[in-house]
Amino acid sequence: MELEGQLVGVDDAFAPIDQPPTPTQRAASLAVYCEQRLIAERHTAAWIWGATRAAPRRHELCVSIGARARSPDPGRLHVREVVIAPHEIARLGEVRVTTPMRTAIDLARFPEAFDAALFTALLNVAHLTVAECVAELRNRRNLPQKKLALTRLLAL
């Protein structure tokens, strides 16, 4: 049906060609992987929110520090334990995903190469500003890589 132009690929799933892509649709394509405890984060969350068209090759998921979980498919999914507050998690259908603010902060914090274009695209689709992200970071205590994230954001 994809070859006939009736369906379009959404990561490992398909959707009718006449439905515009939405965060809920992209999240639904992960439902097969995301048991209740798993939360889509970082690049996967940025893709779900619409900051990029292409899904990451390896999805990034997290679980609350006390929930403990392993990746059901280590080649396709990376799962890590994090400290996360309930207000930093959104539910899109059956899938939980970090909020755009939490996603932006996480993208800025990690020491791998910072993708300023992806970060800016996420801010645009979520109607957030760099100043709001900086304020949120400054209000956090004991956040790993906080100083690196602030340096990156203040340089934008």
Protein backbone atom coordinates (compact mmCIF):
# COMPACT_ATOMS: atom_id res chain seq x y z
CA MET A 1 0.00 0.00 0.00
CA GLU A 2 2.98 2.30 0.53
CA LEU A 3 4.17 1.66 -3.02
CA GLU A 4 0.68 2.47 -4.29
CA GLY A 5 0.72 5.81 -2.46
CA GLN A 6 -1.97 4.94 0.06
CA LEU A 7 0.28 4.75 3.14
CA VAL A 8 3.30 6.66 4.34
CA GLY A 9 5.98 5.31 6.65
CA VAL A 10 6.09 6.66 10.20
CA ASP A 11 9.24 5.07 11.63
CA ASP A 12 8.43 1.33 11.74
CA ALA A 13 4.69 1.90 11.29
CA PHE A 14 2.42 3.28 8.57
CA ALA A 15 -0.27 5.94 8.37
CA PRO A 16 -2.78 6.96 5.68
CA ILE A 17 -1.21 9.35 3.18
CA ASP A 18 -3.96 11.94 3.69
CA GLN A 19 -3.31 12.34 7.43
CA PRO A 20 -0.78 15.05 8.23
CA PRO A 21 1.92 13.85 10.65
CA THR A 22 1.20 14.74 14.27
CA PRO A 23 3.01 14.15 17.56
CA THR A 24 0.35 11.61 18.54
CA GLN A 25 0.81 9.73 15.26
CA ARG A 26 4.62 9.64 15.63
CA ALA A 27 4.30 8.54 19.28
CA ALA A 28 1.90 5.78 18.27
CA SER A 29 4.58 4.30 16.02
CA LEU A 30 6.58 3.61 19.21
CA ALA A 31 3.71 2.03 21.14
CA VAL A 32 4.92 -1.46 20.29
CA TYR A 33 8.22 -0.72 22.10
CA CYS A 34 7.04 1.48 24.94
CA GLU A 35 5.74 -0.47 27.87
CA GLN A 36 4.14 1.60 30.64
CA ARG A 37 7.37 2.55 32.38
CA LEU A 38 9.28 3.74 29.30
CA ILE A 39 9.31 7.40 28.27
CA ALA A 40 10.49 8.70 24.88
CA GLU A 41 13.21 11.30 25.40
CA ARG A 42 15.94 13.43 23.77
CA HIS A 43 16.17 12.93 19.96
CA THR A 44 13.19 10.58 19.91
CA ALA A 45 11.06 13.12 21.80
CA ALA A 46 12.27 15.93 19.51
CA TRP A 47 11.13 13.84 16.52
CA ILE A 48 7.78 13.09 18.17
CA TRP A 49 7.18 16.80 18.84
CA GLY A 50 7.93 17.54 15.15
CA ALA A 51 11.36 19.17 15.37
CA THR A 52 12.74 16.82 12.70
CA ARG A 53 11.16 14.72 9.97
CA ALA A 54 13.36 11.66 10.32
CA ALA A 55 13.06 9.34 13.28
CA PRO A 56 16.36 8.54 14.97
CA ARG A 57 17.96 5.24 13.96
CA ARG A 58 18.19 4.25 17.61
CA HIS A 59 15.35 5.53 19.79
CA GLU A 60 16.20 7.10 23.14
CA LEU A 61 13.93 6.11 25.99
CA CYS A 62 14.17 6.62 29.72
CA VAL A 63 12.59 5.30 32.86
CA SER A 64 12.21 6.91 36.25
CA ILE A 65 15.16 6.05 38.48
CA GLY A 66 13.11 3.77 40.74
CA ALA A 67 11.29 1.91 37.95
CA ARG A 68 14.28 -0.03 36.59
CA ALA A 69 13.92 -1.31 33.05
CA ARG A 70 16.05 -2.84 30.34
CA SER A 71 15.86 -2.24 26.64
CA PRO A 72 13.56 -4.77 24.96
CA ASP A 73 15.61 -4.29 21.75
CA PRO A 74 19.15 -2.97 22.52
CA GLY A 75 20.02 -2.55 18.84
CA ARG A 76 17.03 -0.29 18.20
CA LEU A 77 16.36 1.25 21.63
CA HIS A 78 18.60 2.87 24.22
CA VAL A 79 17.05 2.99 27.71
CA ARG A 80 18.52 4.88 30.66
CA GLU A 81 17.36 5.64 34.19
CA VAL A 82 16.73 9.29 35.02
CA VAL A 83 15.33 11.51 37.73
CA ILE A 84 12.15 12.93 36.22
CA ALA A 85 9.16 14.72 37.70
CA PRO A 86 5.58 13.87 36.67
CA HIS A 87 5.09 17.37 35.18
CA GLU A 88 7.97 16.66 32.75
CA ILE A 89 6.07 13.81 31.10
CA ALA A 90 3.29 14.15 28.52
CA ARG A 91 1.05 11.31 27.39
CA LEU A 92 0.32 11.05 23.68
CA GLY A 93 -2.11 8.19 23.26
CA GLU A 94 -0.50 5.16 24.90
CA VAL A 95 3.04 6.57 24.81
CA ARG A 96 4.72 8.79 27.38
CA VAL A 97 7.17 11.39 26.13
CA THR A 98 9.20 14.10 27.81
CA THR A 99 7.62 17.54 27.51
CA PRO A 100 9.13 19.93 24.98
CA MET A 101 10.84 21.88 27.80
CA ARG A 102 12.40 18.77 29.33
CA THR A 103 13.39 17.58 25.85
CA ALA A 104 15.09 20.90 25.09
CA ILE A 105 16.98 20.89 28.38
CA ASP A 106 18.12 17.31 27.82
CA LEU A 107 19.30 18.08 24.28
CA ALA A 108 21.36 20.99 25.62
CA ARG A 109 22.85 19.05 28.55
CA PHE A 110 24.51 16.07 27.00
CA PRO A 111 28.19 16.20 26.10
CA GLU A 112 27.85 14.73 22.63
CA ALA A 113 27.78 17.23 19.79
CA PHE A 114 25.09 19.85 20.37
CA ASP A 115 22.72 20.13 17.41
CA ALA A 116 21.73 23.79 17.53
CA ALA A 117 19.45 23.44 14.49
CA LEU A 118 17.46 20.61 16.10
CA PHE A 119 17.30 22.52 19.38
CA THR A 120 16.02 25.65 17.61
CA ALA A 121 13.49 23.65 15.60
CA LEU A 122 12.15 22.13 18.82
CA LEU A 123 11.81 25.57 20.39
CA ASN A 124 9.94 26.78 17.30
CA VAL A 125 7.41 23.92 17.19
CA ALA A 126 6.89 24.09 20.97
CA HIS A 127 6.66 27.90 21.08
CA LEU A 128 9.48 28.11 23.62
CA THR A 129 12.34 30.58 23.85
CA VAL A 130 15.99 30.19 24.74
CA ALA A 131 15.37 32.57 27.66
CA GLU A 132 12.67 30.25 29.05
CA CYS A 133 15.06 27.29 28.80
CA VAL A 134 17.83 29.25 30.54
CA ALA A 135 15.44 30.23 33.33
CA GLU A 136 14.32 26.62 33.75
CA LEU A 137 17.93 25.43 33.92
CA ARG A 138 18.83 28.07 36.50
CA ASN A 139 15.94 26.93 38.70
CA ARG A 140 17.23 23.34 38.77
CA ARG A 141 19.54 22.05 41.48
CA ASN A 142 22.00 19.19 41.14
CA LEU A 143 21.36 18.74 37.42
CA PRO A 144 24.19 16.93 35.61
CA GLN A 145 25.76 18.94 32.76
CA LYS A 146 23.85 22.08 33.77
CA LYS A 147 26.85 24.35 33.27
CA LEU A 148 27.51 22.93 29.80
CA ALA A 149 23.86 23.42 28.83
CA LEU A 150 23.86 27.03 30.05
CA THR A 151 27.04 27.75 28.08
CA ARG A 152 25.49 26.29 24.94
CA LEU A 153 22.21 28.15 25.35
CA LEU A 154 23.79 31.51 26.15
CA ALA A 155 25.86 31.17 22.96
CA LEU A 156 22.72 30.88 20.79
